[in-house]
């Protein structure tokens, strides 16, 4: 009953006239026999028996409002808290369209950067240890190619692969391509003291980095059905950044 009162009050104020009931308090609906215990304004019944109309999503009068909202706010660039040496506006625009919904509206926080913190996988683990969000890895190799991955959880040393289907690989070599989970296996992310691997299958990793974050490798893998992300399968890292949300 309370829900019906709220519905009428919010959506049909033209027929919901509790002020016409004076001091009468009501918490339920009752069947009135003959006379009403309080005077009713005739407007109380205006439109009460109007026919309901079922409309499609395309005819939804609120659709226009949503389109306006999306046009105004849906394409707003995220706020970066920290200076990036790798990300240009077009990188951010492309990547942000594929981020998990739980990251939308959150600023991008620079948690680790080789230019600030040095080349060390252990330092990377430590810098994201307290993060509670997906993690975006952005790499640039010595050939000038930009590529990387989004992991559903912060990478950490583990005896097995972990993560979810939010994880993906991407590259801008030479144009933007994204490689999302195929469902073929669950080899998302595996960290150890001497390497970090993202995506796998048949002995190949989609993206692999050594403990010094100096050398890496990229191969097609079953997890993401990706191409080689870098210009060459084996590459040297020029710079690497890790962003949380």
C-alpha atoms as a PDB file:
ATOM      1  CA  UNK A   1       0.000   0.000   0.000  1.00  0.00           C
ATOM      2  CA  UNK A   2       2.786   2.385   0.871  1.00  0.00           C
ATOM      3  CA  UNK A   3       4.262   1.828  -2.560  1.00  0.00           C
ATOM      4  CA  UNK A   4       0.945   2.730  -4.188  1.00  0.00           C
ATOM      5  CA  UNK A   5       0.742   5.944  -2.178  1.00  0.00           C
ATOM      6  CA  UNK A   6       4.267   6.837  -3.252  1.00  0.00           C
ATOM      7  CA  UNK A   7       3.472   6.012  -6.878  1.00  0.00           C
ATOM      8  CA  UNK A   8       0.381   8.221  -6.913  1.00  0.00           C
ATOM      9  CA  UNK A   9       2.119  11.001  -5.076  1.00  0.00           C
ATOM     10  CA  UNK A  10       5.084  11.036  -7.452  1.00  0.00           C
ATOM     11  CA  UNK A  11       3.546  10.160 -10.820  1.00  0.00           C
ATOM     12  CA  UNK A  12      -0.111  11.220 -10.484  1.00  0.00           C
ATOM     13  CA  UNK A  13      -0.208  14.283  -8.233  1.00  0.00           C
ATOM     14  CA  UNK A  14      -3.269  15.399 -10.208  1.00  0.00           C
ATOM     15  CA  UNK A  15      -5.340  12.651  -8.594  1.00  0.00           C
ATOM     16  CA  UNK A  16      -3.433  12.259  -5.346  1.00  0.00           C
ATOM     17  CA  UNK A  17      -4.986  14.893  -3.099  1.00  0.00           C
ATOM     18  CA  UNK A  18      -4.436  13.908   0.527  1.00  0.00           C
ATOM     19  CA  UNK A  19      -5.017  17.479   1.617  1.00  0.00           C
ATOM     20  CA  UNK A  20      -8.635  17.019   0.619  1.00  0.00           C
ATOM     21  CA  UNK A  21      -8.961  14.384   3.322  1.00  0.00           C
ATOM     22  CA  UNK A  22      -8.476  16.791   6.178  1.00  0.00           C
ATOM     23  CA  UNK A  23      -7.092  15.265   9.375  1.00  0.00           C
ATOM     24  CA  UNK A  24      -7.937  11.715   8.378  1.00  0.00           C
ATOM     25  CA  UNK A  25      -4.918   9.424   8.718  1.00  0.00           C
ATOM     26  CA  UNK A  26      -4.713   6.450   6.395  1.00  0.00           C
ATOM     27  CA  UNK A  27      -2.388   3.471   6.252  1.00  0.00           C
ATOM     28  CA  UNK A  28      -4.499   1.121   4.143  1.00  0.00           C
ATOM     29  CA  UNK A  29      -7.291   1.063   1.576  1.00  0.00           C
ATOM     30  CA  UNK A  30     -10.799   0.094   2.706  1.00  0.00           C
ATOM     31  CA  UNK A  31     -14.034  -0.599   0.901  1.00  0.00           C
ATOM     32  CA  UNK A  32     -16.460   2.242   1.595  1.00  0.00           C
ATOM     33  CA  UNK A  33     -20.059   1.174   2.020  1.00  0.00           C
ATOM     34  CA  UNK A  34     -22.341   3.902   0.763  1.00  0.00           C
ATOM     35  CA  UNK A  35     -20.867   7.027   2.298  1.00  0.00           C
ATOM     36  CA  UNK A  36     -17.344   8.267   2.482  1.00  0.00           C
ATOM     37  CA  UNK A  37     -16.099   9.140   5.958  1.00  0.00           C
ATOM     38  CA  UNK A  38     -14.567  12.370   4.649  1.00  0.00           C
ATOM     39  CA  UNK A  39     -15.420  14.795   1.847  1.00  0.00           C
ATOM     40  CA  UNK A  40     -13.723  14.132  -1.472  1.00  0.00           C
ATOM     41  CA  UNK A  41     -12.895  16.725  -4.044  1.00  0.00           C
ATOM     42  CA  UNK A  42     -14.284  15.687  -7.424  1.00  0.00           C
ATOM     43  CA  UNK A  43     -10.812  16.180  -8.852  1.00  0.00           C
ATOM     44  CA  UNK A  44      -9.775  13.179  -6.841  1.00  0.00           C
ATOM     45  CA  UNK A  45     -11.303  10.937  -9.492  1.00  0.00           C
ATOM     46  CA  UNK A  46     -10.178  12.887 -12.546  1.00  0.00           C
ATOM     47  CA  UNK A  47      -8.202  10.588 -14.785  1.00  0.00           C
ATOM     48  CA  UNK A  48      -8.324   7.790 -12.236  1.00  0.00           C
ATOM     49  CA  UNK A  49      -9.594   5.362 -14.867  1.00  0.00           C
ATOM     50  CA  UNK A  50      -7.481   6.558 -17.746  1.00  0.00           C
ATOM     51  CA  UNK A  51      -6.282   3.734 -19.936  1.00  0.00           C
ATOM     52  CA  UNK A  52      -2.697   2.649 -19.534  1.00  0.00           C
ATOM     53  CA  UNK A  53      -0.530   2.736 -22.624  1.00  0.00           C
ATOM     54  CA  UNK A  54       2.381   0.409 -23.272  1.00  0.00           C
ATOM     55  CA  UNK A  55       5.148   2.111 -25.205  1.00  0.00           C
ATOM     56  CA  UNK A  56       8.355   0.880 -26.754  1.00  0.00           C
ATOM     57  CA  UNK A  57      11.822   2.010 -25.733  1.00  0.00           C
ATOM     58  CA  UNK A  58      12.018   4.055 -28.928  1.00  0.00           C
ATOM     59  CA  UNK A  59       8.877   5.981 -27.930  1.00  0.00           C
ATOM     60  CA  UNK A  60      10.033   6.552 -24.354  1.00  0.00           C
ATOM     61  CA  UNK A  61       9.674  10.303 -23.667  1.00  0.00           C
ATOM     62  CA  UNK A  62      12.714  10.060 -21.371  1.00  0.00           C
ATOM     63  CA  UNK A  63      14.896   8.781 -24.210  1.00  0.00           C
ATOM     64  CA  UNK A  64      15.573  12.314 -25.407  1.00  0.00           C
ATOM     65  CA  UNK A  65      16.697  13.330 -21.924  1.00  0.00           C
ATOM     66  CA  UNK A  66      19.072  10.368 -21.791  1.00  0.00           C
ATOM     67  CA  UNK A  67      20.502  11.281 -25.183  1.00  0.00           C
ATOM     68  CA  UNK A  68      21.100  14.823 -23.979  1.00  0.00           C
ATOM     69  CA  UNK A  69      22.810  13.520 -20.836  1.00  0.00           C
ATOM     70  CA  UNK A  70      25.013  11.165 -22.835  1.00  0.00           C
ATOM     71  CA  UNK A  71      25.956  13.898 -25.275  1.00  0.00           C
ATOM     72  CA  UNK A  72      26.865  16.252 -22.438  1.00  0.00           C
ATOM     73  CA  UNK A  73      28.516  13.875 -19.999  1.00  0.00           C
ATOM     74  CA  UNK A  74      28.886  10.447 -21.586  1.00  0.00           C
ATOM     75  CA  UNK A  75      32.004  11.371 -23.542  1.00  0.00           C
ATOM     76  CA  UNK A  76      33.762  13.383 -20.870  1.00  0.00           C
ATOM     77  CA  UNK A  77      37.464  12.593 -20.707  1.00  0.00           C
ATOM     78  CA  UNK A  78      38.542  11.044 -17.409  1.00  0.00           C
ATOM     79  CA  UNK A  79      40.552  13.091 -14.953  1.00  0.00           C
ATOM     80  CA  UNK A  80      44.172  11.973 -14.659  1.00  0.00           C
ATOM     81  CA  UNK A  81      45.752  12.407 -11.248  1.00  0.00           C
ATOM     82  CA  UNK A  82      49.398  12.259 -12.164  1.00  0.00           C
ATOM     83  CA  UNK A  83      51.376  13.271 -15.234  1.00  0.00           C
ATOM     84  CA  UNK A  84      51.633  10.665 -17.971  1.00  0.00           C
ATOM     85  CA  UNK A  85      54.627  10.372 -20.242  1.00  0.00           C
ATOM     86  CA  UNK A  86      52.827   7.868 -22.459  1.00  0.00           C
ATOM     87  CA  UNK A  87      49.128   8.622 -22.743  1.00  0.00           C
ATOM     88  CA  UNK A  88      47.959  11.075 -25.363  1.00  0.00           C
ATOM     89  CA  UNK A  89      44.291  12.170 -25.512  1.00  0.00           C
ATOM     90  CA  UNK A  90      43.531   9.717 -28.339  1.00  0.00           C
ATOM     91  CA  UNK A  91      44.969   6.834 -26.261  1.00  0.00           C
ATOM     92  CA  UNK A  92      42.741   7.774 -23.345  1.00  0.00           C
ATOM     93  CA  UNK A  93      39.690   8.156 -25.556  1.00  0.00           C
ATOM     94  CA  UNK A  94      40.084   4.711 -27.112  1.00  0.00           C
ATOM     95  CA  UNK A  95      40.909   2.827 -23.922  1.00  0.00           C
ATOM     96  CA  UNK A  96      38.258   4.468 -21.743  1.00  0.00           C
ATOM     97  CA  UNK A  97      35.454   3.150 -23.968  1.00  0.00           C
ATOM     98  CA  UNK A  98      36.290  -0.423 -22.932  1.00  0.00           C
ATOM     99  CA  UNK A  99      36.915   0.023 -19.224  1.00  0.00           C
ATOM    100  CA  UNK A 100      34.671  -1.917 -16.807  1.00  0.00           C
ATOM    101  CA  UNK A 101      31.562   0.005 -15.687  1.00  0.00           C
ATOM    102  CA  UNK A 102      32.830   0.121 -12.098  1.00  0.00           C
ATOM    103  CA  UNK A 103      35.672   2.415 -13.200  1.00  0.00           C
ATOM    104  CA  UNK A 104      33.471   4.960 -14.996  1.00  0.00           C
ATOM    105  CA  UNK A 105      33.430   8.338 -13.284  1.00  0.00           C
ATOM    106  CA  UNK A 106      36.535   7.610 -11.237  1.00  0.00           C
ATOM    107  CA  UNK A 107      39.776   9.517 -11.808  1.00  0.00           C
ATOM    108  CA  UNK A 108      42.795   7.680 -13.169  1.00  0.00           C
ATOM    109  CA  UNK A 109      45.459   7.524 -10.457  1.00  0.00           C
ATOM    110  CA  UNK A 110      49.097   7.095 -11.434  1.00  0.00           C
ATOM    111  CA  UNK A 111      50.193   4.361  -9.031  1.00  0.00           C
ATOM    112  CA  UNK A 112      53.510   3.414 -10.613  1.00  0.00           C
ATOM    113  CA  UNK A 113      55.794   4.780 -13.289  1.00  0.00           C
ATOM    114  CA  UNK A 114      59.262   3.622 -14.309  1.00  0.00           C
ATOM    115  CA  UNK A 115      60.263   7.248 -14.778  1.00  0.00           C
ATOM    116  CA  UNK A 116      59.359   7.984 -11.141  1.00  0.00           C
ATOM    117  CA  UNK A 117      59.912   4.712  -9.308  1.00  0.00           C
ATOM    118  CA  UNK A 118      62.521   2.882 -11.359  1.00  0.00           C
ATOM    119  CA  UNK A 119      62.384  -0.420 -13.235  1.00  0.00           C
ATOM    120  CA  UNK A 120      61.287  -3.012 -10.679  1.00  0.00           C
ATOM    121  CA  UNK A 121      58.440  -5.515 -10.695  1.00  0.00           C
ATOM    122  CA  UNK A 122      58.585  -5.734  -6.889  1.00  0.00           C
ATOM    123  CA  UNK A 123      58.053  -1.986  -6.657  1.00  0.00           C
ATOM    124  CA  UNK A 124      55.108  -2.257  -9.048  1.00  0.00           C
ATOM    125  CA  UNK A 125      53.518  -4.923  -6.836  1.00  0.00           C
ATOM    126  CA  UNK A 126      54.046  -2.781  -3.761  1.00  0.00           C
ATOM    127  CA  UNK A 127      52.581   0.360  -5.331  1.00  0.00           C
ATOM    128  CA  UNK A 128      49.293  -1.345  -6.271  1.00  0.00           C
ATOM    129  CA  UNK A 129      49.021  -3.674  -3.255  1.00  0.00           C
ATOM    130  CA  UNK A 130      46.298  -1.590  -1.579  1.00  0.00           C
ATOM    131  CA  UNK A 131      44.356  -0.774  -4.734  1.00  0.00           C
ATOM    132  CA  UNK A 132      40.751  -1.926  -4.913  1.00  0.00           C
ATOM    133  CA  UNK A 133      40.090  -1.496  -8.605  1.00  0.00           C
ATOM    134  CA  UNK A 134      41.153  -2.768 -12.007  1.00  0.00           C
ATOM    135  CA  UNK A 135      44.672  -1.787 -13.061  1.00  0.00           C
ATOM    136  CA  UNK A 136      45.707  -0.333 -16.415  1.00  0.00           C
ATOM    137  CA  UNK A 137      49.224  -1.111 -17.659  1.00  0.00           C
ATOM    138  CA  UNK A 138      50.580   1.163 -20.380  1.00  0.00           C
ATOM    139  CA  UNK A 139      53.887   0.280 -22.043  1.00  0.00           C
ATOM    140  CA  UNK A 140      56.060   1.916 -24.636  1.00  0.00           C
ATOM    141  CA  UNK A 141      58.842  -0.153 -26.161  1.00  0.00           C
ATOM    142  CA  UNK A 142      62.107   1.069 -27.653  1.00  0.00           C
ATOM    143  CA  UNK A 143      60.485   0.945 -31.104  1.00  0.00           C
ATOM    144  CA  UNK A 144      57.979   3.582 -29.986  1.00  0.00           C
ATOM    145  CA  UNK A 145      54.961   1.243 -29.883  1.00  0.00           C
ATOM    146  CA  UNK A 146      52.309   1.775 -27.176  1.00  0.00           C
ATOM    147  CA  UNK A 147      50.379  -1.238 -25.877  1.00  0.00           C
ATOM    148  CA  UNK A 148      49.374  -2.884 -22.636  1.00  0.00           C
ATOM    149  CA  UNK A 149      46.615  -4.511 -20.639  1.00  0.00           C
ATOM    150  CA  UNK A 150      43.823  -3.945 -18.190  1.00  0.00           C
ATOM    151  CA  UNK A 151      43.749  -6.441 -15.322  1.00  0.00           C
ATOM    152  CA  UNK A 152      40.570  -6.902 -13.315  1.00  0.00           C
ATOM    153  CA  UNK A 153      42.579  -6.891 -10.075  1.00  0.00           C
ATOM    154  CA  UNK A 154      45.976  -5.514  -9.068  1.00  0.00           C
ATOM    155  CA  UNK A 155      48.743  -7.930 -10.112  1.00  0.00           C
ATOM    156  CA  UNK A 156      50.486  -9.721  -7.255  1.00  0.00           C
ATOM    157  CA  UNK A 157      52.674 -12.802  -6.738  1.00  0.00           C
ATOM    158  CA  UNK A 158      50.549 -15.940  -6.871  1.00  0.00           C
ATOM    159  CA  UNK A 159      50.896 -19.669  -7.456  1.00  0.00           C
ATOM    160  CA  UNK A 160      48.157 -19.608 -10.056  1.00  0.00           C
ATOM    161  CA  UNK A 161      46.381 -17.376 -12.535  1.00  0.00           C
ATOM    162  CA  UNK A 162      43.696 -15.099 -11.143  1.00  0.00           C
ATOM    163  CA  UNK A 163      41.336 -12.400 -12.384  1.00  0.00           C
ATOM    164  CA  UNK A 164      38.070 -12.150 -14.312  1.00  0.00           C
ATOM    165  CA  UNK A 165      36.797 -11.576 -17.825  1.00  0.00           C
ATOM    166  CA  UNK A 166      37.132  -7.812 -17.349  1.00  0.00           C
ATOM    167  CA  UNK A 167      40.801  -8.286 -18.223  1.00  0.00           C
ATOM    168  CA  UNK A 168      41.856  -7.398 -21.750  1.00  0.00           C
ATOM    169  CA  UNK A 169      44.894  -6.645 -23.905  1.00  0.00           C
ATOM    170  CA  UNK A 170      45.253  -3.734 -26.303  1.00  0.00           C
ATOM    171  CA  UNK A 171      47.723  -2.234 -28.748  1.00  0.00           C
ATOM    172  CA  UNK A 172      48.185   0.880 -30.835  1.00  0.00           C
ATOM    173  CA  UNK A 173      50.513  -0.966 -33.220  1.00  0.00           C
ATOM    174  CA  UNK A 174      49.836   0.565 -35.658  1.00  0.00           C
ATOM    175  CA  UNK A 175      46.130   1.240 -35.004  1.00  0.00           C
ATOM    176  CA  UNK A 176      44.079   0.660 -31.881  1.00  0.00           C
ATOM    177  CA  UNK A 177      42.973  -2.915 -31.319  1.00  0.00           C
ATOM    178  CA  UNK A 178      41.483  -4.460 -28.210  1.00  0.00           C
ATOM    179  CA  UNK A 179      41.491  -8.158 -27.357  1.00  0.00           C
ATOM    180  CA  UNK A 180      38.887  -9.220 -24.836  1.00  0.00           C
ATOM    181  CA  UNK A 181      38.344 -12.529 -23.115  1.00  0.00           C
ATOM    182  CA  UNK A 182      37.476 -15.379 -25.487  1.00  0.00           C
ATOM    183  CA  UNK A 183      36.165 -17.721 -22.777  1.00  0.00           C
ATOM    184  CA  UNK A 184      38.575 -20.452 -23.884  1.00  0.00           C
ATOM    185  CA  UNK A 185      40.469 -20.438 -20.588  1.00  0.00           C
ATOM    186  CA  UNK A 186      40.893 -18.364 -17.449  1.00  0.00           C
ATOM    187  CA  UNK A 187      44.600 -17.569 -17.680  1.00  0.00           C
ATOM    188  CA  UNK A 188      44.100 -13.887 -16.904  1.00  0.00           C
ATOM    189  CA  UNK A 189      46.971 -12.716 -14.708  1.00  0.00           C
ATOM    190  CA  UNK A 190      49.809 -14.493 -12.943  1.00  0.00           C
ATOM    191  CA  UNK A 191      52.498 -12.712 -11.006  1.00  0.00           C
ATOM    192  CA  UNK A 192      55.670 -14.092  -9.484  1.00  0.00           C
ATOM    193  CA  UNK A 193      58.829 -12.636  -8.025  1.00  0.00           C
ATOM    194  CA  UNK A 194      60.585 -12.832 -11.381  1.00  0.00           C
ATOM    195  CA  UNK A 195      57.848 -12.189 -13.973  1.00  0.00           C
ATOM    196  CA  UNK A 196      54.329 -11.004 -14.746  1.00  0.00           C
ATOM    197  CA  UNK A 197      52.184 -12.811 -17.315  1.00  0.00           C
ATOM    198  CA  UNK A 198      48.794 -11.761 -18.718  1.00  0.00           C
ATOM    199  CA  UNK A 199      46.886 -14.215 -20.899  1.00  0.00           C
ATOM    200  CA  UNK A 200      48.134 -17.679 -21.742  1.00  0.00           C
ATOM    201  CA  UNK A 201      47.655 -21.073 -23.297  1.00  0.00           C
ATOM    202  CA  UNK A 202      49.825 -23.657 -25.036  1.00  0.00           C
ATOM    203  CA  UNK A 203      52.956 -22.226 -23.491  1.00  0.00           C
ATOM    204  CA  UNK A 204      52.449 -18.699 -24.839  1.00  0.00           C
ATOM    205  CA  UNK A 205      51.633 -15.498 -22.966  1.00  0.00           C
ATOM    206  CA  UNK A 206      49.722 -12.566 -24.398  1.00  0.00           C
ATOM    207  CA  UNK A 207      52.006 -10.211 -22.468  1.00  0.00           C
ATOM    208  CA  UNK A 208      55.025 -11.165 -20.358  1.00  0.00           C
ATOM    209  CA  UNK A 209      57.430  -8.943 -18.423  1.00  0.00           C
ATOM    210  CA  UNK A 210      60.605  -9.828 -16.533  1.00  0.00           C
ATOM    211  CA  UNK A 211      61.449  -8.894 -12.940  1.00  0.00           C
ATOM    212  CA  UNK A 212      63.381  -5.778 -13.996  1.00  0.00           C
ATOM    213  CA  UNK A 213      60.636  -4.604 -16.357  1.00  0.00           C
ATOM    214  CA  UNK A 214      63.324  -4.179 -18.984  1.00  0.00           C
ATOM    215  CA  UNK A 215      62.453  -7.045 -21.287  1.00  0.00           C
ATOM    216  CA  UNK A 216      59.110  -8.386 -22.413  1.00  0.00           C
ATOM    217  CA  UNK A 217      57.458 -10.714 -24.848  1.00  0.00           C
ATOM    218  CA  UNK A 218      54.085 -10.843 -26.591  1.00  0.00           C
ATOM    219  CA  UNK A 219      52.566 -13.838 -28.343  1.00  0.00           C
ATOM    220  CA  UNK A 220      49.092 -14.784 -29.554  1.00  0.00           C
ATOM    221  CA  UNK A 221      47.309 -16.608 -26.739  1.00  0.00           C
ATOM    222  CA  UNK A 222      44.064 -18.529 -26.289  1.00  0.00           C
ATOM    223  CA  UNK A 223      42.782 -16.280 -23.497  1.00  0.00           C
ATOM    224  CA  UNK A 224      42.383 -13.244 -25.740  1.00  0.00           C
ATOM    225  CA  UNK A 225      43.053 -14.478 -29.279  1.00  0.00           C
ATOM    226  CA  UNK A 226      45.363 -11.502 -29.660  1.00  0.00           C
ATOM    227  CA  UNK A 227      48.016 -10.612 -32.172  1.00  0.00           C
ATOM    228  CA  UNK A 228      51.549  -9.722 -31.123  1.00  0.00           C
ATOM    229  CA  UNK A 229      51.057  -6.436 -29.276  1.00  0.00           C
ATOM    230  CA  UNK A 230      54.532  -5.020 -29.891  1.00  0.00           C
ATOM    231  CA  UNK A 231      56.344  -4.574 -33.174  1.00  0.00           C
ATOM    232  CA  UNK A 232      58.393  -7.700 -32.431  1.00  0.00           C
ATOM    233  CA  UNK A 233      57.617 -10.655 -30.192  1.00  0.00           C
ATOM    234  CA  UNK A 234      60.550  -9.810 -27.920  1.00  0.00           C
ATOM    235  CA  UNK A 235      60.865  -6.180 -26.947  1.00  0.00           C
ATOM    236  CA  UNK A 236      62.647  -3.814 -24.593  1.00  0.00           C
ATOM    237  CA  UNK A 237      60.624  -1.521 -22.361  1.00  0.00           C
ATOM    238  CA  UNK A 238      61.288   2.194 -22.692  1.00  0.00           C
ATOM    239  CA  UNK A 239      58.669   3.278 -20.169  1.00  0.00           C
ATOM    240  CA  UNK A 240      55.814   1.721 -18.235  1.00  0.00           C
ATOM    241  CA  UNK A 241      52.941   3.246 -16.262  1.00  0.00           C
ATOM    242  CA  UNK A 242      50.323   1.659 -14.036  1.00  0.00           C
ATOM    243  CA  UNK A 243      47.006   3.426 -13.383  1.00  0.00           C
ATOM    244  CA  UNK A 244      44.305   2.561 -10.857  1.00  0.00           C
ATOM    245  CA  UNK A 245      40.759   3.931 -10.534  1.00  0.00           C
END
